[in-house]
Amino acid sequence: MKLFIDTWGWIVLGNNREPRHTELTSSYSSWKDQEVMSYTTDYILDETFTLLFRRVPFKEAKHSLDIIDLAIKKGYLRLERITAERFKKINC
């Protein structure tokens, strides 16, 4: 099974004031324990970090960024880069 995480998912995971934060955090931990590969894109992370740093205190936003970075480094999360060529393919 593969899991694609979009901006909404990261915002909910990174902001404990979001109504579904606890539910999604629990689900994400379960998927990680089951070794479900998660994917996201550099575009999504750009949007996510912009929103998090506007909505939550800096320390919380930075912590979320660090967790995502660690997940990429440990292989729990695969970061897909949207190159110009890939962008053209998607929009054709």
C-alpha atoms as a PDB file:
ATOM      1  CA  MET A   1       0.000   0.000   0.000  1.00  0.00           C
ATOM      2  CA  LYS A   2       1.143   3.551  -0.748  1.00  0.00           C
ATOM      3  CA  LEU A   3       0.050   6.731   0.990  1.00  0.00           C
ATOM      4  CA  PHE A   4       0.168  10.157  -0.669  1.00  0.00           C
ATOM      5  CA  ILE A   5       0.185  13.037   1.819  1.00  0.00           C
ATOM      6  CA  ASP A   6      -0.987  16.414   0.560  1.00  0.00           C
ATOM      7  CA  THR A   7      -0.818  19.839   2.177  1.00  0.00           C
ATOM      8  CA  TRP A   8      -3.980  19.298   4.220  1.00  0.00           C
ATOM      9  CA  GLY A   9      -2.525  16.120   5.735  1.00  0.00           C
ATOM     10  CA  TRP A  10       0.707  17.822   6.766  1.00  0.00           C
ATOM     11  CA  ILE A  11      -1.153  20.827   8.190  1.00  0.00           C
ATOM     12  CA  VAL A  12      -3.346  18.581  10.339  1.00  0.00           C
ATOM     13  CA  LEU A  13      -0.353  16.499  11.468  1.00  0.00           C
ATOM     14  CA  GLY A  14       1.662  19.629  12.261  1.00  0.00           C
ATOM     15  CA  ASN A  15      -0.971  21.626  14.126  1.00  0.00           C
ATOM     16  CA  ASN A  16      -2.453  20.076  17.261  1.00  0.00           C
ATOM     17  CA  ARG A  17      -5.268  22.639  17.195  1.00  0.00           C
ATOM     18  CA  GLU A  18      -6.681  21.133  13.999  1.00  0.00           C
ATOM     19  CA  PRO A  19      -9.916  19.213  14.745  1.00  0.00           C
ATOM     20  CA  ARG A  20      -8.677  15.891  13.298  1.00  0.00           C
ATOM     21  CA  HIS A  21      -5.070  16.125  14.523  1.00  0.00           C
ATOM     22  CA  THR A  22      -5.288  13.264  17.042  1.00  0.00           C
ATOM     23  CA  GLU A  23      -7.114  10.975  14.623  1.00  0.00           C
ATOM     24  CA  LEU A  24      -4.687  11.584  11.773  1.00  0.00           C
ATOM     25  CA  THR A  25      -1.613  11.335  14.001  1.00  0.00           C
ATOM     26  CA  SER A  26      -2.799   7.943  15.216  1.00  0.00           C
ATOM     27  CA  SER A  27      -3.478   6.775  11.657  1.00  0.00           C
ATOM     28  CA  TYR A  28      -0.103   8.010  10.419  1.00  0.00           C
ATOM     29  CA  SER A  29       1.696   6.173  13.250  1.00  0.00           C
ATOM     30  CA  SER A  30      -0.201   3.000  12.405  1.00  0.00           C
ATOM     31  CA  TRP A  31       0.677   3.261   8.708  1.00  0.00           C
ATOM     32  CA  LYS A  32       4.318   3.886   9.592  1.00  0.00           C
ATOM     33  CA  ASP A  33       4.348   0.823  11.888  1.00  0.00           C
ATOM     34  CA  GLN A  34       2.936  -1.239   9.021  1.00  0.00           C
ATOM     35  CA  GLU A  35       5.769   0.068   6.818  1.00  0.00           C
ATOM     36  CA  VAL A  36       3.362   1.748   4.405  1.00  0.00           C
ATOM     37  CA  MET A  37       5.447   3.940   2.095  1.00  0.00           C
ATOM     38  CA  SER A  38       4.364   7.569   2.243  1.00  0.00           C
ATOM     39  CA  TYR A  39       4.902  10.031  -0.589  1.00  0.00           C
ATOM     40  CA  THR A  40       4.724  13.786  -0.963  1.00  0.00           C
ATOM     41  CA  THR A  41       6.141  16.397  -3.342  1.00  0.00           C
ATOM     42  CA  ASP A  42       8.441  19.366  -2.978  1.00  0.00           C
ATOM     43  CA  TYR A  43       5.556  21.606  -4.110  1.00  0.00           C
ATOM     44  CA  ILE A  44       3.341  20.273  -1.328  1.00  0.00           C
ATOM     45  CA  LEU A  45       6.059  20.769   1.287  1.00  0.00           C
ATOM     46  CA  ASP A  46       6.650  24.321   0.096  1.00  0.00           C
ATOM     47  CA  GLU A  47       2.971  25.117   0.550  1.00  0.00           C
ATOM     48  CA  THR A  48       2.851  23.244   3.870  1.00  0.00           C
ATOM     49  CA  PHE A  49       5.798  25.073   5.408  1.00  0.00           C
ATOM     50  CA  THR A  50       4.459  28.434   4.258  1.00  0.00           C
ATOM     51  CA  LEU A  51       1.101  27.741   5.917  1.00  0.00           C
ATOM     52  CA  LEU A  52       2.525  26.212   9.094  1.00  0.00           C
ATOM     53  CA  PHE A  53       4.892  29.116   9.714  1.00  0.00           C
ATOM     54  CA  ARG A  54       1.930  31.504   9.313  1.00  0.00           C
ATOM     55  CA  ARG A  55      -0.506  29.540  11.518  1.00  0.00           C
ATOM     56  CA  VAL A  56       1.508  28.175  14.435  1.00  0.00           C
ATOM     57  CA  PRO A  57       4.361  29.466  16.578  1.00  0.00           C
ATOM     58  CA  PHE A  58       7.804  29.216  14.994  1.00  0.00           C
ATOM     59  CA  LYS A  59       8.972  26.476  17.381  1.00  0.00           C
ATOM     60  CA  GLU A  60       6.010  24.223  16.467  1.00  0.00           C
ATOM     61  CA  ALA A  61       6.417  24.828  12.729  1.00  0.00           C
ATOM     62  CA  LYS A  62      10.155  24.111  12.935  1.00  0.00           C
ATOM     63  CA  HIS A  63       9.456  20.896  14.865  1.00  0.00           C
ATOM     64  CA  SER A  64       7.089  19.754  12.091  1.00  0.00           C
ATOM     65  CA  LEU A  65       9.712  20.567   9.468  1.00  0.00           C
ATOM     66  CA  ASP A  66      12.303  18.553  11.429  1.00  0.00           C
ATOM     67  CA  ILE A  67       9.984  15.538  11.700  1.00  0.00           C
ATOM     68  CA  ILE A  68       9.306  15.550   7.955  1.00  0.00           C
ATOM     69  CA  ASP A  69      13.021  15.920   7.225  1.00  0.00           C
ATOM     70  CA  LEU A  70      13.821  12.967   9.507  1.00  0.00           C
ATOM     71  CA  ALA A  71      11.119  10.839   7.861  1.00  0.00           C
ATOM     72  CA  ILE A  72      12.713  11.508   4.463  1.00  0.00           C
ATOM     73  CA  LYS A  73      16.208  10.691   5.778  1.00  0.00           C
ATOM     74  CA  LYS A  74      15.038   7.469   7.474  1.00  0.00           C
ATOM     75  CA  GLY A  75      13.105   6.353   4.404  1.00  0.00           C
ATOM     76  CA  TYR A  76       9.575   6.535   5.883  1.00  0.00           C
ATOM     77  CA  LEU A  77       8.682   9.263   3.423  1.00  0.00           C
ATOM     78  CA  ARG A  78       9.618   9.543  -0.213  1.00  0.00           C
ATOM     79  CA  LEU A  79       9.967  13.062  -1.574  1.00  0.00           C
ATOM     80  CA  GLU A  80       8.999  13.374  -5.219  1.00  0.00           C
ATOM     81  CA  ARG A  81      10.515  16.355  -6.978  1.00  0.00           C
ATOM     82  CA  ILE A  82       8.425  18.177  -9.559  1.00  0.00           C
ATOM     83  CA  THR A  83      10.842  19.110 -12.311  1.00  0.00           C
ATOM     84  CA  ALA A  84       9.942  21.358 -15.239  1.00  0.00           C
ATOM     85  CA  GLU A  85       9.637  18.284 -17.469  1.00  0.00           C
ATOM     86  CA  ARG A  86       7.417  16.482 -14.992  1.00  0.00           C
ATOM     87  CA  PHE A  87       5.273  19.588 -14.543  1.00  0.00           C
ATOM     88  CA  LYS A  88       4.758  19.795 -18.316  1.00  0.00           C
ATOM     89  CA  LYS A  89       3.735  16.137 -18.470  1.00  0.00           C
ATOM     90  CA  ILE A  90       1.165  16.619 -15.706  1.00  0.00           C
ATOM     91  CA  ASN A  91      -0.348  19.701 -17.312  1.00  0.00           C
ATOM     92  CA  CYS A  92      -0.539  18.453 -20.904  1.00  0.00           C
END
